[in-house]
C-alpha cells in the first residue's frame, strides 16, 4: 500500500498528490521545511521544530492560515494513517502558486504539504561504527539560519563526498567548519571540551544540536560555541554530528585523517545514548 500524504487540506494517496507547476517552491525555492522524528508512533521534540518553522516563515515574510496546533494534528494523522512506528514526518510550506515573477505575489495562498518516511532511527549500524566526512567549500547563501527548501548546495556537497568514498560532507568557510550537509558539526578537544560553531546566520539552529548541548551540560561536560578550523578537527580527540533523523553520529575520519584511534568516541556514544533515553522516556 502506498503512503497517504497531505496536500493543501487533503489526505490523498501519494500517487494522486499534485502541486501546481507555478508553485513558488518549485520555481524559486520560495519556502521552508521541517523534519520531525517519530519513535514508537510519537513525535520527538516537535514543539521546538514547529517554533523554528514559525521563525523561518517570519524571516521570509510568509504567514500561513494553519496554527501550529493544527499542523501537529495533521502530522499525527499522517503517522496514524500510515501506521508509522519509526521514521520521520516532513512538512513544507511555500508561498504557493502565482505567475512567475521575482516579486512576491499579492495576497499569496501558501501551500502546505506533508509526508512520512519509514526509517530506522534507534538501531543504526552507522552510529556504531562512525562515519567518514569530507570537507568541501561552503558555497551556500548568507542566511543559513532559515530552514529553506533551497538545498542544491548541500546536496552537491553530499554527492561530492559520496563520490569520493566518504559518508557525508562538512562545509568549510574561510578555513572554519560551518556544518554538515544536513547536520551540525562538533569536535571534542583533547581536554574533553565539546566545540561547535556559535549560532548566527552562518548555520541552522539545529533542534538536536540544542538538546544534545543541554544533555552535555547536564553531564558536566564543558561546551564552547565558537568557530573551529578543519585542522583543529583533524587533531581532535573526537568528532560527531547531530541531526533530527540521525541523533548523534560519531565521525571517525575527516579528509582521510583518522580521528584519534579511528573508533567512535566515548563522548559521542554517551550523548547518543542520553538522547535516545530522553526521547523514549515517555514510552
C-alpha atoms as a PDB file:
ATOM      1  CA  UNK A   1       0.000   0.000   0.000  1.00  0.00           C
ATOM      2  CA  UNK A   2       1.356   3.408  -0.901  1.00  0.00           C
ATOM      3  CA  UNK A   3       1.558   6.245   1.578  1.00  0.00           C
ATOM      4  CA  UNK A   4      -1.112   8.729   2.455  1.00  0.00           C
ATOM      5  CA  UNK A   5       0.234  12.274   2.172  1.00  0.00           C
ATOM      6  CA  UNK A   6      -1.195  15.685   2.975  1.00  0.00           C
ATOM      7  CA  UNK A   7      -1.568  18.345   0.282  1.00  0.00           C
ATOM      8  CA  UNK A   8      -3.304  21.658   0.973  1.00  0.00           C
ATOM      9  CA  UNK A   9      -6.096  20.416   3.162  1.00  0.00           C
ATOM     10  CA  UNK A  10      -6.486  16.900   1.767  1.00  0.00           C
ATOM     11  CA  UNK A  11      -5.171  13.477   2.713  1.00  0.00           C
ATOM     12  CA  UNK A  12      -4.506  11.651  -0.556  1.00  0.00           C
ATOM     13  CA  UNK A  13      -2.645   8.640  -1.860  1.00  0.00           C
ATOM     14  CA  UNK A  14       0.875   9.662  -2.815  1.00  0.00           C
ATOM     15  CA  UNK A  15       0.257   8.762  -6.472  1.00  0.00           C
ATOM     16  CA  UNK A  16      -2.614  11.244  -6.564  1.00  0.00           C
ATOM     17  CA  UNK A  17      -0.745  14.128  -4.889  1.00  0.00           C
ATOM     18  CA  UNK A  18      -0.486  17.227  -7.074  1.00  0.00           C
ATOM     19  CA  UNK A  19       1.096  20.681  -6.776  1.00  0.00           C
ATOM     20  CA  UNK A  20       0.875  23.429  -9.388  1.00  0.00           C
ATOM     21  CA  UNK A  21       3.836  23.870 -11.724  1.00  0.00           C
ATOM     22  CA  UNK A  22       3.565  27.558 -10.803  1.00  0.00           C
ATOM     23  CA  UNK A  23       4.192  26.880  -7.116  1.00  0.00           C
ATOM     24  CA  UNK A  24       6.962  29.225  -5.995  1.00  0.00           C
ATOM     25  CA  UNK A  25       8.608  26.429  -4.060  1.00  0.00           C
ATOM     26  CA  UNK A  26       9.197  24.728  -7.408  1.00  0.00           C
ATOM     27  CA  UNK A  27      10.155  27.878  -9.329  1.00  0.00           C
ATOM     28  CA  UNK A  28      12.122  29.869  -6.731  1.00  0.00           C
ATOM     29  CA  UNK A  29      12.723  27.564  -3.737  1.00  0.00           C
ATOM     30  CA  UNK A  30      10.458  30.099  -2.023  1.00  0.00           C
ATOM     31  CA  UNK A  31       9.577  28.057   1.016  1.00  0.00           C
ATOM     32  CA  UNK A  32      10.736  26.455   4.242  1.00  0.00           C
ATOM     33  CA  UNK A  33      10.529  22.991   5.768  1.00  0.00           C
ATOM     34  CA  UNK A  34      10.891  20.958   8.935  1.00  0.00           C
ATOM     35  CA  UNK A  35      11.624  17.315   9.688  1.00  0.00           C
ATOM     36  CA  UNK A  36      10.407  15.737  12.924  1.00  0.00           C
ATOM     37  CA  UNK A  37      11.442  12.306  14.135  1.00  0.00           C
ATOM     38  CA  UNK A  38       8.922   9.644  15.104  1.00  0.00           C
ATOM     39  CA  UNK A  39       9.679   6.953  17.673  1.00  0.00           C
ATOM     40  CA  UNK A  40       7.043   4.418  18.637  1.00  0.00           C
ATOM     41  CA  UNK A  41       4.450   6.482  16.793  1.00  0.00           C
ATOM     42  CA  UNK A  42       5.270   9.615  18.791  1.00  0.00           C
ATOM     43  CA  UNK A  43       6.746  12.894  17.545  1.00  0.00           C
ATOM     44  CA  UNK A  44      10.064  13.841  19.171  1.00  0.00           C
ATOM     45  CA  UNK A  45      10.946  17.465  20.085  1.00  0.00           C
ATOM     46  CA  UNK A  46       8.136  18.512  17.769  1.00  0.00           C
ATOM     47  CA  UNK A  47       7.167  21.682  19.615  1.00  0.00           C
ATOM     48  CA  UNK A  48      10.690  23.030  19.147  1.00  0.00           C
ATOM     49  CA  UNK A  49      10.610  22.110  15.456  1.00  0.00           C
ATOM     50  CA  UNK A  50       7.310  23.929  14.972  1.00  0.00           C
ATOM     51  CA  UNK A  51       8.610  27.008  16.773  1.00  0.00           C
ATOM     52  CA  UNK A  52      11.576  27.040  14.408  1.00  0.00           C
ATOM     53  CA  UNK A  53       9.166  26.667  11.484  1.00  0.00           C
ATOM     54  CA  UNK A  54       7.341  29.770  12.689  1.00  0.00           C
ATOM     55  CA  UNK A  55      10.627  31.673  12.837  1.00  0.00           C
ATOM     56  CA  UNK A  56      11.629  30.584   9.321  1.00  0.00           C
ATOM     57  CA  UNK A  57       8.235  31.673   7.988  1.00  0.00           C
ATOM     58  CA  UNK A  58       8.618  35.040   9.665  1.00  0.00           C
ATOM     59  CA  UNK A  59      12.100  35.521   8.182  1.00  0.00           C
ATOM     60  CA  UNK A  60      10.742  35.068   4.628  1.00  0.00           C
ATOM     61  CA  UNK A  61       7.652  37.197   5.354  1.00  0.00           C
ATOM     62  CA  UNK A  62       5.166  34.385   4.947  1.00  0.00           C
ATOM     63  CA  UNK A  63       2.024  33.896   7.019  1.00  0.00           C
ATOM     64  CA  UNK A  64       0.088  30.644   6.755  1.00  0.00           C
ATOM     65  CA  UNK A  65      -3.503  30.129   7.884  1.00  0.00           C
ATOM     66  CA  UNK A  66      -2.707  26.979   9.869  1.00  0.00           C
ATOM     67  CA  UNK A  67      -1.880  27.265  13.565  1.00  0.00           C
ATOM     68  CA  UNK A  68       0.993  25.223  14.978  1.00  0.00           C
ATOM     69  CA  UNK A  69      -1.509  23.066  16.851  1.00  0.00           C
ATOM     70  CA  UNK A  70      -3.393  22.382  13.609  1.00  0.00           C
ATOM     71  CA  UNK A  71      -0.149  21.398  11.928  1.00  0.00           C
ATOM     72  CA  UNK A  72       0.630  18.958  14.718  1.00  0.00           C
ATOM     73  CA  UNK A  73      -2.806  17.367  14.343  1.00  0.00           C
ATOM     74  CA  UNK A  74      -2.078  16.796  10.634  1.00  0.00           C
ATOM     75  CA  UNK A  75       1.321  15.304  11.466  1.00  0.00           C
ATOM     76  CA  UNK A  76      -0.249  12.865  13.897  1.00  0.00           C
ATOM     77  CA  UNK A  77      -2.970  11.991  11.391  1.00  0.00           C
ATOM     78  CA  UNK A  78      -0.293  11.031   8.864  1.00  0.00           C
ATOM     79  CA  UNK A  79       1.504   8.924  11.460  1.00  0.00           C
ATOM     80  CA  UNK A  80      -1.720   7.116  12.270  1.00  0.00           C
ATOM     81  CA  UNK A  81      -2.928   6.683   8.687  1.00  0.00           C
ATOM     82  CA  UNK A  82       0.434   5.312   7.579  1.00  0.00           C
ATOM     83  CA  UNK A  83       0.891   3.260  10.744  1.00  0.00           C
ATOM     84  CA  UNK A  84       4.331   4.797  11.150  1.00  0.00           C
ATOM     85  CA  UNK A  85       6.201   3.416  14.134  1.00  0.00           C
ATOM     86  CA  UNK A  86       9.675   4.782  13.483  1.00  0.00           C
ATOM     87  CA  UNK A  87      10.854   7.355  10.965  1.00  0.00           C
ATOM     88  CA  UNK A  88      10.173  10.994  10.128  1.00  0.00           C
ATOM     89  CA  UNK A  89       7.432  13.424   9.189  1.00  0.00           C
ATOM     90  CA  UNK A  90       8.438  16.005   6.579  1.00  0.00           C
ATOM     91  CA  UNK A  91       6.490  19.244   6.185  1.00  0.00           C
ATOM     92  CA  UNK A  92       6.970  22.038   3.664  1.00  0.00           C
ATOM     93  CA  UNK A  93       5.398  25.457   3.345  1.00  0.00           C
ATOM     94  CA  UNK A  94       5.780  27.547   0.193  1.00  0.00           C
ATOM     95  CA  UNK A  95       4.386  30.888  -0.934  1.00  0.00           C
ATOM     96  CA  UNK A  96       2.041  28.987  -3.209  1.00  0.00           C
ATOM     97  CA  UNK A  97       1.170  29.236  -6.891  1.00  0.00           C
ATOM     98  CA  UNK A  98       1.479  32.501  -8.834  1.00  0.00           C
ATOM     99  CA  UNK A  99       2.527  33.510 -12.324  1.00  0.00           C
ATOM    100  CA  UNK A 100       6.328  33.536 -12.475  1.00  0.00           C
ATOM    101  CA  UNK A 101       7.682  36.842 -11.162  1.00  0.00           C
ATOM    102  CA  UNK A 102      10.568  37.590  -8.845  1.00  0.00           C
ATOM    103  CA  UNK A 103       8.498  39.867  -6.634  1.00  0.00           C
ATOM    104  CA  UNK A 104       6.298  38.275  -4.007  1.00  0.00           C
ATOM    105  CA  UNK A 105       2.712  37.851  -5.207  1.00  0.00           C
ATOM    106  CA  UNK A 106      -0.024  39.965  -3.673  1.00  0.00           C
ATOM    107  CA  UNK A 107      -2.255  38.001  -1.270  1.00  0.00           C
ATOM    108  CA  UNK A 108      -0.463  34.669  -1.700  1.00  0.00           C
ATOM    109  CA  UNK A 109      -2.187  31.393  -0.867  1.00  0.00           C
ATOM    110  CA  UNK A 110       0.550  29.283   0.748  1.00  0.00           C
ATOM    111  CA  UNK A 111       0.976  25.586   0.011  1.00  0.00           C
ATOM    112  CA  UNK A 112       1.349  23.133   2.879  1.00  0.00           C
ATOM    113  CA  UNK A 113       2.430  19.573   2.158  1.00  0.00           C
ATOM    114  CA  UNK A 114       3.480  16.763   4.486  1.00  0.00           C
ATOM    115  CA  UNK A 115       4.531  13.147   4.178  1.00  0.00           C
ATOM    116  CA  UNK A 116       6.031  10.372   6.283  1.00  0.00           C
ATOM    117  CA  UNK A 117       9.124   8.242   5.712  1.00  0.00           C
ATOM    118  CA  UNK A 118       9.825   4.954   7.438  1.00  0.00           C
ATOM    119  CA  UNK A 119      13.378   4.876   8.767  1.00  0.00           C
ATOM    120  CA  UNK A 120      15.354   3.065  11.455  1.00  0.00           C
ATOM    121  CA  UNK A 121      16.499   5.802  13.791  1.00  0.00           C
ATOM    122  CA  UNK A 122      17.057   3.950  17.058  1.00  0.00           C
ATOM    123  CA  UNK A 123      19.121   0.996  15.862  1.00  0.00           C
ATOM    124  CA  UNK A 124      21.572   2.149  13.226  1.00  0.00           C
ATOM    125  CA  UNK A 125      24.867   0.388  12.451  1.00  0.00           C
ATOM    126  CA  UNK A 126      26.282   3.675  11.136  1.00  0.00           C
ATOM    127  CA  UNK A 127      26.190   5.072  14.660  1.00  0.00           C
ATOM    128  CA  UNK A 128      28.088   2.043  15.968  1.00  0.00           C
ATOM    129  CA  UNK A 129      30.974   2.254  13.511  1.00  0.00           C
ATOM    130  CA  UNK A 130      31.077   6.012  12.880  1.00  0.00           C
ATOM    131  CA  UNK A 131      31.169   7.937   9.625  1.00  0.00           C
ATOM    132  CA  UNK A 132      33.806   9.384   7.323  1.00  0.00           C
ATOM    133  CA  UNK A 133      33.372  13.010   6.271  1.00  0.00           C
ATOM    134  CA  UNK A 134      34.978  15.095   3.570  1.00  0.00           C
ATOM    135  CA  UNK A 135      35.488  18.836   3.798  1.00  0.00           C
ATOM    136  CA  UNK A 136      34.110  20.957   0.954  1.00  0.00           C
ATOM    137  CA  UNK A 137      33.852  24.688   0.322  1.00  0.00           C
ATOM    138  CA  UNK A 138      30.696  26.194   1.772  1.00  0.00           C
ATOM    139  CA  UNK A 139      29.066  27.868  -1.244  1.00  0.00           C
ATOM    140  CA  UNK A 140      25.652  28.488   0.326  1.00  0.00           C
ATOM    141  CA  UNK A 141      23.875  31.803   0.748  1.00  0.00           C
ATOM    142  CA  UNK A 142      24.254  34.087   3.757  1.00  0.00           C
ATOM    143  CA  UNK A 143      21.018  33.157   5.590  1.00  0.00           C
ATOM    144  CA  UNK A 144      21.626  29.548   6.549  1.00  0.00           C
ATOM    145  CA  UNK A 145      19.683  30.130   9.768  1.00  0.00           C
ATOM    146  CA  UNK A 146      16.471  29.913   7.704  1.00  0.00           C
ATOM    147  CA  UNK A 147      15.467  26.307   7.019  1.00  0.00           C
ATOM    148  CA  UNK A 148      14.808  26.959   3.350  1.00  0.00           C
ATOM    149  CA  UNK A 149      13.933  24.353   0.725  1.00  0.00           C
ATOM    150  CA  UNK A 150      16.808  25.697  -1.406  1.00  0.00           C
ATOM    151  CA  UNK A 151      19.111  22.725  -0.795  1.00  0.00           C
ATOM    152  CA  UNK A 152      21.090  22.375  -4.019  1.00  0.00           C
ATOM    153  CA  UNK A 153      24.434  23.412  -2.490  1.00  0.00           C
ATOM    154  CA  UNK A 154      24.325  20.924   0.410  1.00  0.00           C
ATOM    155  CA  UNK A 155      23.033  18.245  -1.965  1.00  0.00           C
ATOM    156  CA  UNK A 156      26.044  18.849  -4.207  1.00  0.00           C
ATOM    157  CA  UNK A 157      28.323  18.699  -1.158  1.00  0.00           C
ATOM    158  CA  UNK A 158      26.813  15.397  -0.044  1.00  0.00           C
ATOM    159  CA  UNK A 159      27.119  13.887  -3.515  1.00  0.00           C
ATOM    160  CA  UNK A 160      30.736  15.012  -3.841  1.00  0.00           C
ATOM    161  CA  UNK A 161      31.535  13.299  -0.551  1.00  0.00           C
ATOM    162  CA  UNK A 162      29.791  10.101  -1.630  1.00  0.00           C
ATOM    163  CA  UNK A 163      31.598  10.153  -4.978  1.00  0.00           C
ATOM    164  CA  UNK A 164      34.907  10.343  -3.091  1.00  0.00           C
ATOM    165  CA  UNK A 165      34.032   7.419  -0.835  1.00  0.00           C
ATOM    166  CA  UNK A 166      33.022   9.409   2.246  1.00  0.00           C
ATOM    167  CA  UNK A 167      29.677   9.272   4.040  1.00  0.00           C
ATOM    168  CA  UNK A 168      28.987  12.982   4.341  1.00  0.00           C
ATOM    169  CA  UNK A 169      30.416  16.451   3.851  1.00  0.00           C
ATOM    170  CA  UNK A 170      31.463  19.083   6.351  1.00  0.00           C
ATOM    171  CA  UNK A 171      31.329  22.524   4.808  1.00  0.00           C
ATOM    172  CA  UNK A 172      34.214  24.918   5.368  1.00  0.00           C
ATOM    173  CA  UNK A 173      34.269  28.713   5.061  1.00  0.00           C
ATOM    174  CA  UNK A 174      37.488  30.724   5.465  1.00  0.00           C
ATOM    175  CA  UNK A 175      39.137  27.649   6.942  1.00  0.00           C
ATOM    176  CA  UNK A 176      36.467  27.070   9.591  1.00  0.00           C
ATOM    177  CA  UNK A 177      33.847  24.312   9.689  1.00  0.00           C
ATOM    178  CA  UNK A 178      30.278  25.617   9.480  1.00  0.00           C
ATOM    179  CA  UNK A 179      28.100  22.465   9.444  1.00  0.00           C
ATOM    180  CA  UNK A 180      27.420  19.216   7.656  1.00  0.00           C
ATOM    181  CA  UNK A 181      25.329  18.797   4.522  1.00  0.00           C
ATOM    182  CA  UNK A 182      22.268  18.162   6.713  1.00  0.00           C
ATOM    183  CA  UNK A 183      23.670  18.222  10.232  1.00  0.00           C
ATOM    184  CA  UNK A 184      25.534  20.290  12.800  1.00  0.00           C
ATOM    185  CA  UNK A 185      29.241  19.601  13.318  1.00  0.00           C
ATOM    186  CA  UNK A 186      31.132  19.124  16.593  1.00  0.00           C
ATOM    187  CA  UNK A 187      34.571  18.222  17.866  1.00  0.00           C
ATOM    188  CA  UNK A 188      35.806  17.207  21.303  1.00  0.00           C
ATOM    189  CA  UNK A 189      39.155  18.703  22.264  1.00  0.00           C
ATOM    190  CA  UNK A 190      41.961  16.761  23.901  1.00  0.00           C
ATOM    191  CA  UNK A 191      40.858  18.400  27.152  1.00  0.00           C
ATOM    192  CA  UNK A 192      37.350  16.969  26.763  1.00  0.00           C
ATOM    193  CA  UNK A 193      35.535  20.159  25.756  1.00  0.00           C
ATOM    194  CA  UNK A 194      32.785  19.981  23.129  1.00  0.00           C
ATOM    195  CA  UNK A 195      33.207  22.662  20.465  1.00  0.00           C
ATOM    196  CA  UNK A 196      30.631  23.684  17.867  1.00  0.00           C
ATOM    197  CA  UNK A 197      30.108  26.860  15.871  1.00  0.00           C
ATOM    198  CA  UNK A 198      28.085  29.514  17.660  1.00  0.00           C
ATOM    199  CA  UNK A 199      24.616  30.313  16.353  1.00  0.00           C
ATOM    200  CA  UNK A 200      24.089  33.076  13.810  1.00  0.00           C
ATOM    201  CA  UNK A 201      23.281  33.460  10.150  1.00  0.00           C
ATOM    202  CA  UNK A 202      26.087  31.055   9.165  1.00  0.00           C
ATOM    203  CA  UNK A 203      24.389  27.866  10.395  1.00  0.00           C
ATOM    204  CA  UNK A 204      21.000  26.408  11.169  1.00  0.00           C
ATOM    205  CA  UNK A 205      19.977  26.350  14.816  1.00  0.00           C
ATOM    206  CA  UNK A 206      19.644  22.582  14.947  1.00  0.00           C
ATOM    207  CA  UNK A 207      16.987  21.220  17.293  1.00  0.00           C
ATOM    208  CA  UNK A 208      19.000  18.084  18.058  1.00  0.00           C
ATOM    209  CA  UNK A 209      22.062  20.328  18.463  1.00  0.00           C
ATOM    210  CA  UNK A 210      20.375  22.298  21.235  1.00  0.00           C
ATOM    211  CA  UNK A 211      19.100  19.187  23.025  1.00  0.00           C
ATOM    212  CA  UNK A 212      22.486  17.450  22.844  1.00  0.00           C
ATOM    213  CA  UNK A 213      24.298  20.513  24.178  1.00  0.00           C
ATOM    214  CA  UNK A 214      21.855  20.647  27.097  1.00  0.00           C
ATOM    215  CA  UNK A 215      22.447  16.966  27.805  1.00  0.00           C
ATOM    216  CA  UNK A 216      26.206  17.538  27.720  1.00  0.00           C
ATOM    217  CA  UNK A 217      25.956  20.468  30.114  1.00  0.00           C
ATOM    218  CA  UNK A 218      23.786  18.416  32.473  1.00  0.00           C
ATOM    219  CA  UNK A 219      26.510  15.734  32.478  1.00  0.00           C
ATOM    220  CA  UNK A 220      29.108  18.333  33.422  1.00  0.00           C
ATOM    221  CA  UNK A 221      30.841  18.343  30.031  1.00  0.00           C
ATOM    222  CA  UNK A 222      32.249  21.744  29.121  1.00  0.00           C
ATOM    223  CA  UNK A 223      30.831  23.272  25.930  1.00  0.00           C
ATOM    224  CA  UNK A 224      32.320  26.056  23.792  1.00  0.00           C
ATOM    225  CA  UNK A 225      30.289  27.624  20.993  1.00  0.00           C
ATOM    226  CA  UNK A 226      32.961  29.068  18.727  1.00  0.00           C
ATOM    227  CA  UNK A 227      34.499  28.553  15.299  1.00  0.00           C
ATOM    228  CA  UNK A 228      36.879  25.631  14.869  1.00  0.00           C
ATOM    229  CA  UNK A 229      39.156  25.047  11.911  1.00  0.00           C
ATOM    230  CA  UNK A 230      39.289  21.943   9.796  1.00  0.00           C
ATOM    231  CA  UNK A 231      42.874  21.479  11.037  1.00  0.00           C
ATOM    232  CA  UNK A 232      41.663  21.570  14.641  1.00  0.00           C
ATOM    233  CA  UNK A 233      39.128  18.914  13.701  1.00  0.00           C
ATOM    234  CA  UNK A 234      41.885  16.652  12.328  1.00  0.00           C
ATOM    235  CA  UNK A 235      43.642  16.821  15.691  1.00  0.00           C
ATOM    236  CA  UNK A 236      40.578  16.477  17.911  1.00  0.00           C
ATOM    237  CA  UNK A 237      40.019  13.722  20.431  1.00  0.00           C
ATOM    238  CA  UNK A 238      36.589  13.087  18.898  1.00  0.00           C
ATOM    239  CA  UNK A 239      34.215  14.452  16.287  1.00  0.00           C
ATOM    240  CA  UNK A 240      30.499  13.964  15.737  1.00  0.00           C
ATOM    241  CA  UNK A 241      27.433  15.356  14.012  1.00  0.00           C
ATOM    242  CA  UNK A 242      23.805  15.780  15.053  1.00  0.00           C
ATOM    243  CA  UNK A 243      20.522  15.891  13.164  1.00  0.00           C
ATOM    244  CA  UNK A 244      16.857  15.078  13.762  1.00  0.00           C
ATOM    245  CA  UNK A 245      16.970  11.788  11.855  1.00  0.00           C
ATOM    246  CA  UNK A 246      20.413  10.563  12.951  1.00  0.00           C
ATOM    247  CA  UNK A 247      20.570  11.931  16.541  1.00  0.00           C
ATOM    248  CA  UNK A 248      24.330  11.696  17.137  1.00  0.00           C
ATOM    249  CA  UNK A 249      26.746  10.176  14.618  1.00  0.00           C
ATOM    250  CA  UNK A 250      30.392   9.731  15.661  1.00  0.00           C
ATOM    251  CA  UNK A 251      32.829  10.948  12.991  1.00  0.00           C
ATOM    252  CA  UNK A 252      35.919   8.745  12.841  1.00  0.00           C
ATOM    253  CA  UNK A 253      37.685  10.103   9.747  1.00  0.00           C
ATOM    254  CA  UNK A 254      37.914  13.542   8.129  1.00  0.00           C
ATOM    255  CA  UNK A 255      39.544  14.012   4.713  1.00  0.00           C
ATOM    256  CA  UNK A 256      41.389  10.715   5.083  1.00  0.00           C
ATOM    257  CA  UNK A 257      42.692  11.596   8.552  1.00  0.00           C
ATOM    258  CA  UNK A 258      41.618   9.213  11.292  1.00  0.00           C
ATOM    259  CA  UNK A 259      40.346  10.956  14.395  1.00  0.00           C
ATOM    260  CA  UNK A 260      42.231   9.657  17.439  1.00  0.00           C
ATOM    261  CA  UNK A 261      42.133   5.838  17.250  1.00  0.00           C
ATOM    262  CA  UNK A 262      39.582   5.815  14.421  1.00  0.00           C
ATOM    263  CA  UNK A 263      36.792   4.480  16.614  1.00  0.00           C
ATOM    264  CA  UNK A 264      33.581   6.192  17.814  1.00  0.00           C
ATOM    265  CA  UNK A 265      34.436   8.320  20.821  1.00  0.00           C
ATOM    266  CA  UNK A 266      33.058   7.871  24.314  1.00  0.00           C
ATOM    267  CA  UNK A 267      31.506  11.345  24.452  1.00  0.00           C
ATOM    268  CA  UNK A 268      29.608  10.920  21.182  1.00  0.00           C
ATOM    269  CA  UNK A 269      28.355   7.477  22.124  1.00  0.00           C
ATOM    270  CA  UNK A 270      27.241   8.661  25.555  1.00  0.00           C
ATOM    271  CA  UNK A 271      25.397  11.650  24.103  1.00  0.00           C
ATOM    272  CA  UNK A 272      23.626   9.398  21.618  1.00  0.00           C
ATOM    273  CA  UNK A 273      22.599   7.085  24.456  1.00  0.00           C
ATOM    274  CA  UNK A 274      21.356  10.000  26.550  1.00  0.00           C
ATOM    275  CA  UNK A 275      19.418  11.487  23.650  1.00  0.00           C
ATOM    276  CA  UNK A 276      17.633   8.208  22.901  1.00  0.00           C
ATOM    277  CA  UNK A 277      16.946   7.699  26.599  1.00  0.00           C
ATOM    278  CA  UNK A 278      15.359  11.156  26.828  1.00  0.00           C
ATOM    279  CA  UNK A 279      13.422  10.722  23.560  1.00  0.00           C
ATOM    280  CA  UNK A 280      11.889   7.432  24.677  1.00  0.00           C
ATOM    281  CA  UNK A 281      11.373   8.367  28.326  1.00  0.00           C
ATOM    282  CA  UNK A 282       7.617   8.893  27.942  1.00  0.00           C
ATOM    283  CA  UNK A 283       7.029   5.431  26.411  1.00  0.00           C
END
